[in-house]
């Protein structure tokens, strides 16, 4: 029984890891394109901000921040406080 549970857990983990890798590749592409677009417009989108935005974008979440200026360079939803 334990072997069956371990096997099932390993399959679930493997599928989850594959989904994360796929999502991570898409996030990297988003980060790169957003930073390039900002650079072309004479602005700078710092890597940490771009990674936060890409994560929120992938999760269909908003970013809660006072740093509206930088996050406005991305398509992510922004909430201020």
Protein backbone atom coordinates (compact mmCIF):
# COMPACT_ATOMS: atom_id res chain seq x y z
CA UNK A 1 0.00 0.00 0.00
CA UNK A 2 2.79 2.44 0.88
CA UNK A 3 4.49 1.78 -2.45
CA UNK A 4 1.26 2.59 -4.30
CA UNK A 5 0.90 5.85 -2.34
CA UNK A 6 4.53 6.76 -3.02
CA UNK A 7 4.10 5.96 -6.72
CA UNK A 8 0.94 8.09 -6.95
CA UNK A 9 2.62 10.94 -5.10
CA UNK A 10 5.64 10.74 -7.39
CA UNK A 11 3.41 10.97 -10.48
CA UNK A 12 1.56 13.97 -9.05
CA UNK A 13 4.83 15.67 -8.16
CA UNK A 14 6.24 14.94 -11.61
CA UNK A 15 3.18 16.49 -13.30
CA UNK A 16 3.33 19.51 -10.98
CA UNK A 17 7.04 19.98 -11.64
CA UNK A 18 6.44 19.81 -15.40
CA UNK A 19 3.69 22.43 -15.12
CA UNK A 20 5.97 24.69 -13.09
CA UNK A 21 8.78 24.33 -15.66
CA UNK A 22 6.39 25.20 -18.49
CA UNK A 23 5.05 28.17 -16.57
CA UNK A 24 8.57 29.27 -15.69
CA UNK A 25 9.58 29.30 -19.36
CA UNK A 26 6.57 31.46 -20.20
CA UNK A 27 7.39 33.75 -17.27
CA UNK A 28 10.97 34.13 -18.48
CA UNK A 29 9.71 35.13 -21.92
CA UNK A 30 7.36 37.68 -20.35
CA UNK A 31 10.12 39.11 -18.17
CA UNK A 32 12.48 39.42 -21.12
CA UNK A 33 9.92 41.05 -23.41
CA UNK A 34 8.67 43.48 -20.73
CA UNK A 35 12.21 44.54 -19.83
CA UNK A 36 13.12 44.96 -23.51
CA UNK A 37 10.00 47.07 -24.16
CA UNK A 38 10.79 49.26 -21.15
CA UNK A 39 14.38 49.68 -22.33
CA UNK A 40 13.21 50.63 -25.84
CA UNK A 41 11.00 53.33 -24.34
CA UNK A 42 13.92 54.69 -22.31
CA UNK A 43 12.71 53.24 -19.00
CA UNK A 44 14.14 50.54 -16.75
CA UNK A 45 12.19 47.60 -15.38
CA UNK A 46 14.31 46.01 -12.68
CA UNK A 47 14.58 42.23 -12.71
CA UNK A 48 12.98 41.69 -9.28
CA UNK A 49 9.95 43.81 -10.27
CA UNK A 50 9.65 41.95 -13.59
CA UNK A 51 9.79 38.57 -11.84
CA UNK A 52 7.14 39.63 -9.32
CA UNK A 53 4.93 40.90 -12.15
CA UNK A 54 5.39 37.70 -14.18
CA UNK A 55 4.48 35.55 -11.18
CA UNK A 56 1.35 37.60 -10.52
CA UNK A 57 0.47 37.54 -14.22
CA UNK A 58 0.81 33.74 -14.39
CA UNK A 59 -1.38 33.35 -11.31
CA UNK A 60 -3.92 35.90 -12.58
CA UNK A 61 -3.28 37.90 -9.43
CA UNK A 62 -2.73 41.57 -8.76
CA UNK A 63 0.44 43.13 -7.38
CA UNK A 64 -0.11 45.12 -4.19
CA UNK A 65 2.46 47.90 -4.27
CA UNK A 66 3.21 51.57 -3.92
CA UNK A 67 5.62 51.22 -6.86
CA UNK A 68 2.98 51.84 -9.52
CA UNK A 69 5.43 53.51 -11.89
CA UNK A 70 7.53 50.38 -12.52
CA UNK A 71 4.71 47.84 -12.49
CA UNK A 72 2.78 49.98 -14.99
CA UNK A 73 5.39 48.81 -17.52
CA UNK A 74 3.81 45.33 -17.36
CA UNK A 75 0.27 44.11 -18.12
CA UNK A 76 -0.22 42.91 -14.53
CA UNK A 77 -3.11 44.25 -12.46
CA UNK A 78 -1.92 46.71 -9.81
CA UNK A 79 -3.48 47.46 -6.45
CA UNK A 80 -2.13 50.31 -4.33
CA UNK A 81 -2.31 51.00 -0.63
